[in-house]
C-alpha atoms as a PDB file:
ATOM      1  CA  UNK A   1     172.138 205.779 -36.550  1.00  0.00           C
ATOM      2  CA  UNK A   2     168.634 205.664 -38.049  1.00  0.00           C
ATOM      3  CA  UNK A   3     166.907 202.303 -38.245  1.00  0.00           C
ATOM      4  CA  UNK A   4     165.636 201.711 -41.765  1.00  0.00           C
ATOM      5  CA  UNK A   5     163.302 199.268 -43.444  1.00  0.00           C
ATOM      6  CA  UNK A   6     166.360 197.518 -44.905  1.00  0.00           C
ATOM      7  CA  UNK A   7     167.303 196.072 -41.518  1.00  0.00           C
ATOM      8  CA  UNK A   8     163.717 194.958 -40.865  1.00  0.00           C
ATOM      9  CA  UNK A   9     163.463 193.202 -44.222  1.00  0.00           C
ATOM     10  CA  UNK A  10     166.793 191.441 -43.927  1.00  0.00           C
ATOM     11  CA  UNK A  11     166.070 190.297 -40.366  1.00  0.00           C
ATOM     12  CA  UNK A  12     162.940 188.622 -41.775  1.00  0.00           C
ATOM     13  CA  UNK A  13     164.948 186.899 -44.508  1.00  0.00           C
ATOM     14  CA  UNK A  14     163.706 189.203 -47.282  1.00  0.00           C
ATOM     15  CA  UNK A  15     166.211 190.593 -49.780  1.00  0.00           C
ATOM     16  CA  UNK A  16     165.038 194.090 -50.803  1.00  0.00           C
ATOM     17  CA  UNK A  17     165.524 193.160 -54.474  1.00  0.00           C
ATOM     18  CA  UNK A  18     162.890 190.430 -54.030  1.00  0.00           C
ATOM     19  CA  UNK A  19     160.263 192.826 -52.702  1.00  0.00           C
ATOM     20  CA  UNK A  20     158.121 195.818 -53.493  1.00  0.00           C
ATOM     21  CA  UNK A  21     156.376 198.083 -50.996  1.00  0.00           C
ATOM     22  CA  UNK A  22     152.842 199.380 -51.502  1.00  0.00           C
ATOM     23  CA  UNK A  23     151.103 202.107 -49.510  1.00  0.00           C
ATOM     24  CA  UNK A  24     147.307 202.070 -49.798  1.00  0.00           C
ATOM     25  CA  UNK A  25     145.201 205.127 -49.111  1.00  0.00           C
ATOM     26  CA  UNK A  26     141.543 204.996 -48.116  1.00  0.00           C
ATOM     27  CA  UNK A  27     139.422 205.722 -51.217  1.00  0.00           C
ATOM     28  CA  UNK A  28     135.777 205.056 -52.044  1.00  0.00           C
ATOM     29  CA  UNK A  29     136.644 203.886 -55.548  1.00  0.00           C
ATOM     30  CA  UNK A  30     139.908 202.977 -57.230  1.00  0.00           C
ATOM     31  CA  UNK A  31     140.562 205.783 -59.700  1.00  0.00           C
ATOM     32  CA  UNK A  32     142.166 203.513 -62.310  1.00  0.00           C
ATOM     33  CA  UNK A  33     139.870 200.492 -62.212  1.00  0.00           C
ATOM     34  CA  UNK A  34     136.569 201.882 -60.945  1.00  0.00           C
ATOM     35  CA  UNK A  35     136.464 198.984 -58.461  1.00  0.00           C
ATOM     36  CA  UNK A  36     135.495 199.561 -54.811  1.00  0.00           C
ATOM     37  CA  UNK A  37     138.292 201.004 -52.701  1.00  0.00           C
ATOM     38  CA  UNK A  38     139.119 200.357 -49.068  1.00  0.00           C
ATOM     39  CA  UNK A  39     138.248 202.211 -45.900  1.00  0.00           C
ATOM     40  CA  UNK A  40     139.094 202.151 -42.205  1.00  0.00           C
ATOM     41  CA  UNK A  41     136.707 199.263 -41.566  1.00  0.00           C
ATOM     42  CA  UNK A  42     137.734 197.123 -44.540  1.00  0.00           C
ATOM     43  CA  UNK A  43     138.350 193.491 -43.672  1.00  0.00           C
ATOM     44  CA  UNK A  44     141.612 191.712 -44.371  1.00  0.00           C
ATOM     45  CA  UNK A  45     139.852 189.837 -47.174  1.00  0.00           C
ATOM     46  CA  UNK A  46     138.761 193.105 -48.795  1.00  0.00           C
ATOM     47  CA  UNK A  47     142.255 194.596 -48.548  1.00  0.00           C
ATOM     48  CA  UNK A  48     143.774 191.435 -50.014  1.00  0.00           C
ATOM     49  CA  UNK A  49     141.322 191.486 -52.926  1.00  0.00           C
ATOM     50  CA  UNK A  50     141.952 195.201 -53.508  1.00  0.00           C
ATOM     51  CA  UNK A  51     145.721 194.600 -53.596  1.00  0.00           C
ATOM     52  CA  UNK A  52     145.455 191.656 -55.972  1.00  0.00           C
ATOM     53  CA  UNK A  53     143.818 193.745 -58.727  1.00  0.00           C
ATOM     54  CA  UNK A  54     146.144 196.105 -60.564  1.00  0.00           C
ATOM     55  CA  UNK A  55     145.331 198.441 -63.430  1.00  0.00           C
ATOM     56  CA  UNK A  56     147.168 198.361 -66.760  1.00  0.00           C
ATOM     57  CA  UNK A  57     146.862 202.167 -66.874  1.00  0.00           C
ATOM     58  CA  UNK A  58     148.923 204.058 -66.032  1.00  0.00           C
ATOM     59  CA  UNK A  59     151.734 201.590 -66.593  1.00  0.00           C
ATOM     60  CA  UNK A  60     153.511 202.110 -63.283  1.00  0.00           C
ATOM     61  CA  UNK A  61     153.165 198.545 -62.088  1.00  0.00           C
ATOM     62  CA  UNK A  62     156.036 196.207 -63.084  1.00  0.00           C
ATOM     63  CA  UNK A  63     155.444 193.656 -65.806  1.00  0.00           C
ATOM     64  CA  UNK A  64     156.965 191.006 -63.556  1.00  0.00           C
ATOM     65  CA  UNK A  65     156.376 192.082 -59.963  1.00  0.00           C
ATOM     66  CA  UNK A  66     158.565 190.504 -57.274  1.00  0.00           C
ATOM     67  CA  UNK A  67     157.661 187.592 -55.040  1.00  0.00           C
ATOM     68  CA  UNK A  68     157.119 189.544 -51.807  1.00  0.00           C
ATOM     69  CA  UNK A  69     154.737 192.508 -51.526  1.00  0.00           C
ATOM     70  CA  UNK A  70     154.972 194.582 -48.359  1.00  0.00           C
ATOM     71  CA  UNK A  71     151.575 196.252 -48.019  1.00  0.00           C
ATOM     72  CA  UNK A  72     151.094 199.289 -45.793  1.00  0.00           C
ATOM     73  CA  UNK A  73     148.210 201.616 -45.017  1.00  0.00           C
ATOM     74  CA  UNK A  74     148.670 205.370 -45.276  1.00  0.00           C
ATOM     75  CA  UNK A  75     148.619 207.438 -42.105  1.00  0.00           C
ATOM     76  CA  UNK A  76     148.915 211.166 -41.574  1.00  0.00           C
ATOM     77  CA  UNK A  77     152.261 212.904 -41.373  1.00  0.00           C
ATOM     78  CA  UNK A  78     153.893 210.906 -44.149  1.00  0.00           C
ATOM     79  CA  UNK A  79     153.608 207.599 -42.316  1.00  0.00           C
ATOM     80  CA  UNK A  80     152.811 204.097 -43.565  1.00  0.00           C
ATOM     81  CA  UNK A  81     151.750 201.329 -41.164  1.00  0.00           C
ATOM     82  CA  UNK A  82     152.421 197.700 -42.091  1.00  0.00           C
ATOM     83  CA  UNK A  83     149.270 195.759 -42.904  1.00  0.00           C
ATOM     84  CA  UNK A  84     150.876 192.512 -44.088  1.00  0.00           C
ATOM     85  CA  UNK A  85     153.541 190.887 -46.229  1.00  0.00           C
ATOM     86  CA  UNK A  86     152.113 188.942 -49.161  1.00  0.00           C
ATOM     87  CA  UNK A  87     153.551 186.249 -51.374  1.00  0.00           C
ATOM     88  CA  UNK A  88     152.900 186.743 -55.066  1.00  0.00           C
ATOM     89  CA  UNK A  89     152.214 183.394 -56.730  1.00  0.00           C
ATOM     90  CA  UNK A  90     151.781 184.886 -60.162  1.00  0.00           C
ATOM     91  CA  UNK A  91     149.301 186.581 -62.442  1.00  0.00           C
ATOM     92  CA  UNK A  92     146.068 184.629 -62.837  1.00  0.00           C
ATOM     93  CA  UNK A  93     144.145 186.859 -65.250  1.00  0.00           C
ATOM     94  CA  UNK A  94     144.652 189.824 -67.561  1.00  0.00           C
ATOM     95  CA  UNK A  95     141.859 191.310 -69.678  1.00  0.00           C
ATOM     96  CA  UNK A  96     143.971 194.104 -71.104  1.00  0.00           C
ATOM     97  CA  UNK A  97     142.722 196.617 -68.575  1.00  0.00           C
ATOM     98  CA  UNK A  98     143.001 194.779 -65.276  1.00  0.00           C
ATOM     99  CA  UNK A  99     145.561 192.311 -63.997  1.00  0.00           C
ATOM    100  CA  UNK A 100     144.731 189.966 -61.126  1.00  0.00           C
ATOM    101  CA  UNK A 101     147.392 188.234 -59.030  1.00  0.00           C
ATOM    102  CA  UNK A 102     147.249 185.207 -56.753  1.00  0.00           C
ATOM    103  CA  UNK A 103     148.378 186.678 -53.428  1.00  0.00           C
ATOM    104  CA  UNK A 104     148.572 184.867 -50.096  1.00  0.00           C
ATOM    105  CA  UNK A 105     149.428 186.214 -46.671  1.00  0.00           C
ATOM    106  CA  UNK A 106     153.028 185.371 -45.787  1.00  0.00           C
ATOM    107  CA  UNK A 107     154.516 184.618 -42.388  1.00  0.00           C
ATOM    108  CA  UNK A 108     157.192 187.213 -43.129  1.00  0.00           C
ATOM    109  CA  UNK A 109     156.940 190.162 -40.693  1.00  0.00           C
ATOM    110  CA  UNK A 110     153.863 188.576 -39.073  1.00  0.00           C
ATOM    111  CA  UNK A 111     154.905 189.780 -35.628  1.00  0.00           C
ATOM    112  CA  UNK A 112     155.107 193.373 -36.916  1.00  0.00           C
ATOM    113  CA  UNK A 113     151.662 193.597 -38.510  1.00  0.00           C
ATOM    114  CA  UNK A 114     149.928 196.836 -37.491  1.00  0.00           C
ATOM    115  CA  UNK A 115     152.979 197.661 -35.346  1.00  0.00           C
ATOM    116  CA  UNK A 116     155.676 198.725 -37.807  1.00  0.00           C
ATOM    117  CA  UNK A 117     155.449 202.286 -39.143  1.00  0.00           C
ATOM    118  CA  UNK A 118     157.844 203.679 -41.741  1.00  0.00           C
ATOM    119  CA  UNK A 119     158.275 207.226 -42.952  1.00  0.00           C
ATOM    120  CA  UNK A 120     157.034 207.629 -46.525  1.00  0.00           C
ATOM    121  CA  UNK A 121     159.291 210.135 -48.307  1.00  0.00           C
ATOM    122  CA  UNK A 122     157.353 210.260 -51.581  1.00  0.00           C
ATOM    123  CA  UNK A 123     153.773 211.429 -50.807  1.00  0.00           C
ATOM    124  CA  UNK A 124     152.586 211.091 -54.431  1.00  0.00           C
ATOM    125  CA  UNK A 125     154.015 207.578 -54.862  1.00  0.00           C
ATOM    126  CA  UNK A 126     152.002 204.528 -53.830  1.00  0.00           C
ATOM    127  CA  UNK A 127     154.445 201.797 -54.919  1.00  0.00           C
ATOM    128  CA  UNK A 128     158.194 201.494 -54.438  1.00  0.00           C
ATOM    129  CA  UNK A 129     160.794 198.989 -55.500  1.00  0.00           C
ATOM    130  CA  UNK A 130     162.248 197.150 -52.525  1.00  0.00           C
ATOM    131  CA  UNK A 131     165.776 198.642 -52.764  1.00  0.00           C
ATOM    132  CA  UNK A 132     164.317 202.161 -52.762  1.00  0.00           C
ATOM    133  CA  UNK A 133     161.927 201.515 -49.871  1.00  0.00           C
ATOM    134  CA  UNK A 134     164.740 199.836 -47.907  1.00  0.00           C
ATOM    135  CA  UNK A 135     166.234 203.259 -47.245  1.00  0.00           C
ATOM    136  CA  UNK A 136     163.039 204.612 -45.681  1.00  0.00           C
ATOM    137  CA  UNK A 137     163.229 205.239 -41.925  1.00  0.00           C
ATOM    138  CA  UNK A 138     161.415 203.236 -39.272  1.00  0.00           C
ATOM    139  CA  UNK A 139     159.262 205.695 -37.335  1.00  0.00           C
ATOM    140  CA  UNK A 140     157.695 203.353 -34.816  1.00  0.00           C
ATOM    141  CA  UNK A 141     157.411 199.763 -33.670  1.00  0.00           C
ATOM    142  CA  UNK A 142     154.398 199.713 -31.395  1.00  0.00           C
ATOM    143  CA  UNK A 143     154.008 197.391 -28.440  1.00  0.00           C
ATOM    144  CA  UNK A 144     152.465 194.051 -29.365  1.00  0.00           C
ATOM    145  CA  UNK A 145     148.871 193.510 -28.319  1.00  0.00           C
ATOM    146  CA  UNK A 146     148.394 190.642 -25.848  1.00  0.00           C
ATOM    147  CA  UNK A 147     147.183 187.401 -27.426  1.00  0.00           C
ATOM    148  CA  UNK A 148     144.408 185.757 -25.351  1.00  0.00           C
ATOM    149  CA  UNK A 149     145.106 182.216 -24.207  1.00  0.00           C
ATOM    150  CA  UNK A 150     142.758 179.919 -26.187  1.00  0.00           C
ATOM    151  CA  UNK A 151     142.336 177.275 -23.488  1.00  0.00           C
ATOM    152  CA  UNK A 152     144.048 173.909 -23.173  1.00  0.00           C
ATOM    153  CA  UNK A 153     141.432 172.167 -25.351  1.00  0.00           C
ATOM    154  CA  UNK A 154     142.201 174.516 -28.255  1.00  0.00           C
ATOM    155  CA  UNK A 155     145.957 174.626 -27.945  1.00  0.00           C
ATOM    156  CA  UNK A 156     147.813 173.680 -31.135  1.00  0.00           C
ATOM    157  CA  UNK A 157     151.283 175.132 -31.632  1.00  0.00           C
ATOM    158  CA  UNK A 158     153.805 174.873 -34.434  1.00  0.00           C
ATOM    159  CA  UNK A 159     157.443 174.877 -33.311  1.00  0.00           C
ATOM    160  CA  UNK A 160     157.839 178.434 -34.574  1.00  0.00           C
ATOM    161  CA  UNK A 161     154.884 179.630 -32.541  1.00  0.00           C
ATOM    162  CA  UNK A 162     156.017 177.668 -29.506  1.00  0.00           C
ATOM    163  CA  UNK A 163     159.271 179.619 -29.612  1.00  0.00           C
ATOM    164  CA  UNK A 164     157.303 182.872 -29.812  1.00  0.00           C
ATOM    165  CA  UNK A 165     155.107 181.833 -26.879  1.00  0.00           C
ATOM    166  CA  UNK A 166     158.180 181.230 -24.753  1.00  0.00           C
ATOM    167  CA  UNK A 167     159.848 184.579 -25.440  1.00  0.00           C
ATOM    168  CA  UNK A 168     157.402 187.269 -26.572  1.00  0.00           C
ATOM    169  CA  UNK A 169     155.598 189.650 -24.222  1.00  0.00           C
ATOM    170  CA  UNK A 170     152.277 189.299 -26.061  1.00  0.00           C
ATOM    171  CA  UNK A 171     152.112 185.634 -24.991  1.00  0.00           C
ATOM    172  CA  UNK A 172     152.537 186.327 -21.268  1.00  0.00           C
ATOM    173  CA  UNK A 173     149.067 184.921 -20.496  1.00  0.00           C
ATOM    174  CA  UNK A 174     149.986 181.689 -22.306  1.00  0.00           C
ATOM    175  CA  UNK A 175     153.128 181.236 -20.217  1.00  0.00           C
ATOM    176  CA  UNK A 176     151.153 181.859 -17.045  1.00  0.00           C
ATOM    177  CA  UNK A 177     148.608 179.197 -18.027  1.00  0.00           C
ATOM    178  CA  UNK A 178     151.266 176.652 -18.994  1.00  0.00           C
ATOM    179  CA  UNK A 179     153.120 177.331 -15.731  1.00  0.00           C
ATOM    180  CA  UNK A 180     150.023 176.486 -13.701  1.00  0.00           C
ATOM    181  CA  UNK A 181     149.647 172.862 -14.810  1.00  0.00           C
ATOM    182  CA  UNK A 182     151.403 169.549 -15.246  1.00  0.00           C
ATOM    183  CA  UNK A 183     150.082 166.769 -17.429  1.00  0.00           C
ATOM    184  CA  UNK A 184     150.241 164.815 -20.655  1.00  0.00           C
ATOM    185  CA  UNK A 185     150.926 166.349 -24.057  1.00  0.00           C
ATOM    186  CA  UNK A 186     151.236 165.278 -27.678  1.00  0.00           C
ATOM    187  CA  UNK A 187     153.869 166.108 -30.280  1.00  0.00           C
ATOM    188  CA  UNK A 188     152.940 165.289 -33.873  1.00  0.00           C
ATOM    189  CA  UNK A 189     155.540 165.154 -36.627  1.00  0.00           C
ATOM    190  CA  UNK A 190     153.431 166.620 -39.429  1.00  0.00           C
ATOM    191  CA  UNK A 191     155.922 165.422 -42.040  1.00  0.00           C
ATOM    192  CA  UNK A 192     154.850 161.799 -41.594  1.00  0.00           C
ATOM    193  CA  UNK A 193     152.046 161.779 -38.992  1.00  0.00           C
ATOM    194  CA  UNK A 194     153.981 159.953 -36.269  1.00  0.00           C
ATOM    195  CA  UNK A 195     153.207 161.033 -32.718  1.00  0.00           C
ATOM    196  CA  UNK A 196     154.968 161.262 -29.379  1.00  0.00           C
ATOM    197  CA  UNK A 197     153.188 161.287 -26.010  1.00  0.00           C
ATOM    198  CA  UNK A 198     155.068 163.021 -23.225  1.00  0.00           C
ATOM    199  CA  UNK A 199     154.439 164.255 -19.714  1.00  0.00           C
ATOM    200  CA  UNK A 200     155.395 167.008 -17.315  1.00  0.00           C
ATOM    201  CA  UNK A 201     155.106 166.074 -13.651  1.00  0.00           C
ATOM    202  CA  UNK A 202     156.523 166.742 -10.235  1.00  0.00           C
ATOM    203  CA  UNK A 203     158.272 170.101 -10.072  1.00  0.00           C
ATOM    204  CA  UNK A 204     158.316 170.442 -13.886  1.00  0.00           C
ATOM    205  CA  UNK A 205     155.326 172.247 -15.379  1.00  0.00           C
ATOM    206  CA  UNK A 206     154.248 172.023 -18.989  1.00  0.00           C
ATOM    207  CA  UNK A 207     155.768 175.447 -19.565  1.00  0.00           C
ATOM    208  CA  UNK A 208     159.145 174.234 -18.346  1.00  0.00           C
ATOM    209  CA  UNK A 209     158.939 171.051 -20.418  1.00  0.00           C
ATOM    210  CA  UNK A 210     157.886 172.882 -23.563  1.00  0.00           C
ATOM    211  CA  UNK A 211     160.531 175.530 -23.089  1.00  0.00           C
ATOM    212  CA  UNK A 212     163.099 172.758 -23.564  1.00  0.00           C
ATOM    213  CA  UNK A 213     161.490 171.868 -26.903  1.00  0.00           C
ATOM    214  CA  UNK A 214     161.493 175.525 -27.935  1.00  0.00           C
ATOM    215  CA  UNK A 215     165.183 175.732 -27.088  1.00  0.00           C
ATOM    216  CA  UNK A 216     166.634 172.643 -28.753  1.00  0.00           C
ATOM    217  CA  UNK A 217     163.769 170.947 -30.603  1.00  0.00           C
ATOM    218  CA  UNK A 218     163.990 167.579 -28.846  1.00  0.00           C
ATOM    219  CA  UNK A 219     163.818 168.425 -25.144  1.00  0.00           C
ATOM    220  CA  UNK A 220     166.335 165.699 -24.364  1.00  0.00           C
ATOM    221  CA  UNK A 221     164.089 162.930 -25.756  1.00  0.00           C
ATOM    222  CA  UNK A 222     166.130 160.346 -27.649  1.00  0.00           C
ATOM    223  CA  UNK A 223     163.150 159.554 -29.882  1.00  0.00           C
ATOM    224  CA  UNK A 224     163.024 163.122 -31.192  1.00  0.00           C
ATOM    225  CA  UNK A 225     166.727 163.700 -31.757  1.00  0.00           C
ATOM    226  CA  UNK A 226     167.645 163.959 -35.419  1.00  0.00           C
ATOM    227  CA  UNK A 227     164.130 164.937 -36.479  1.00  0.00           C
ATOM    228  CA  UNK A 228     163.229 168.337 -37.909  1.00  0.00           C
ATOM    229  CA  UNK A 229     161.421 170.242 -35.140  1.00  0.00           C
ATOM    230  CA  UNK A 230     159.987 172.754 -37.611  1.00  0.00           C
ATOM    231  CA  UNK A 231     157.523 170.004 -38.579  1.00  0.00           C
ATOM    232  CA  UNK A 232     156.372 169.436 -34.982  1.00  0.00           C
ATOM    233  CA  UNK A 233     152.955 170.432 -33.645  1.00  0.00           C
ATOM    234  CA  UNK A 234     152.339 170.569 -29.890  1.00  0.00           C
ATOM    235  CA  UNK A 235     149.047 170.093 -28.035  1.00  0.00           C
ATOM    236  CA  UNK A 236     147.857 169.120 -24.562  1.00  0.00           C
ATOM    237  CA  UNK A 237     145.988 165.863 -23.966  1.00  0.00           C
ATOM    238  CA  UNK A 238     145.183 166.201 -20.265  1.00  0.00           C
ATOM    239  CA  UNK A 239     146.277 168.710 -17.640  1.00  0.00           C
ATOM    240  CA  UNK A 240     146.438 168.363 -13.860  1.00  0.00           C
ATOM    241  CA  UNK A 241     147.027 170.496 -10.810  1.00  0.00           C
ATOM    242  CA  UNK A 242     150.748 170.404  -9.884  1.00  0.00           C
ATOM    243  CA  UNK A 243     149.832 168.719  -6.588  1.00  0.00           C
ATOM    244  CA  UNK A 244     148.542 165.652  -8.455  1.00  0.00           C
ATOM    245  CA  UNK A 245     150.466 162.466  -7.546  1.00  0.00           C
ATOM    246  CA  UNK A 246     152.914 161.317 -10.188  1.00  0.00           C
ATOM    247  CA  UNK A 247     151.232 157.902 -10.337  1.00  0.00           C
ATOM    248  CA  UNK A 248     148.056 159.504 -11.648  1.00  0.00           C
ATOM    249  CA  UNK A 249     149.968 161.333 -14.376  1.00  0.00           C
ATOM    250  CA  UNK A 250     151.902 158.171 -15.258  1.00  0.00           C
ATOM    251  CA  UNK A 251     148.620 156.287 -15.677  1.00  0.00           C
ATOM    252  CA  UNK A 252     147.246 159.027 -17.947  1.00  0.00           C
ATOM    253  CA  UNK A 253     150.428 159.019 -20.041  1.00  0.00           C
ATOM    254  CA  UNK A 254     150.291 155.255 -20.419  1.00  0.00           C
ATOM    255  CA  UNK A 255     146.617 155.437 -21.424  1.00  0.00           C
ATOM    256  CA  UNK A 256     147.311 157.877 -24.246  1.00  0.00           C
ATOM    257  CA  UNK A 257     150.330 155.939 -25.479  1.00  0.00           C
ATOM    258  CA  UNK A 258     148.110 152.879 -25.725  1.00  0.00           C
ATOM    259  CA  UNK A 259     145.121 154.717 -27.216  1.00  0.00           C
ATOM    260  CA  UNK A 260     147.221 156.455 -29.876  1.00  0.00           C
ATOM    261  CA  UNK A 261     149.475 153.411 -30.424  1.00  0.00           C
ATOM    262  CA  UNK A 262     152.577 155.581 -30.198  1.00  0.00           C
ATOM    263  CA  UNK A 263     154.858 152.768 -29.062  1.00  0.00           C
ATOM    264  CA  UNK A 264     154.322 150.555 -32.093  1.00  0.00           C
ATOM    265  CA  UNK A 265     153.420 153.115 -34.752  1.00  0.00           C
ATOM    266  CA  UNK A 266     154.723 156.326 -33.241  1.00  0.00           C
ATOM    267  CA  UNK A 267     157.779 157.876 -31.649  1.00  0.00           C
ATOM    268  CA  UNK A 268     157.603 156.487 -28.098  1.00  0.00           C
ATOM    269  CA  UNK A 269     160.118 153.797 -27.156  1.00  0.00           C
ATOM    270  CA  UNK A 270     158.574 152.832 -23.818  1.00  0.00           C
END
């Protein structure tokens, strides 16, 4: 059974009826608008700007385009490689010849950017309604490129990304780094700003502790039960070698609880 774009869209929570699919080709100048085109070295900003400007002539662009735009780049052999999914927040200008839309990069299909390739059955067509494109075959899903570990001082993870770090191959270096240390970490509930200071010590590394949060959202902490983990942000405060005595880690944890006042005005109970 052939895998189609329909399954990819639905797995990302996108109904085909709520989407359109665009395949850009590299051109020096847009033939309808006369505006600069895109090329192999175009930046994401340039591609986004190019996509946001649509000609009134010929009238092949919908009067009310859908909320999600799946934007691909043309490849040889009737292929289209995913550049990004965009959220259409509406038309912001229209001078009778050119329409400009407020487009923002969506998290939809983020893990498939530059990896997903679909077969493009209509070589002369650059835009398709979602239900039509949904039947197009998936030709390739390339291996994900490894994501470099940013360092403990630059580590800020949403709950969604924490889950990705714990399961996806491209984050292998992150798991290795988190497995090599114990220490004190911070969870911030971004919905109200309250914070929780926690620790990983003894035989439990930060990777093991954070894997519990990725799995159930609260990691067994009473203070975090009942809260929405999708609002959580995770960061490290201080890391130690696993051979560090627990007393040292306890003292560091207590210091940060006091410094950040997480017992009185945060989520720590002790």
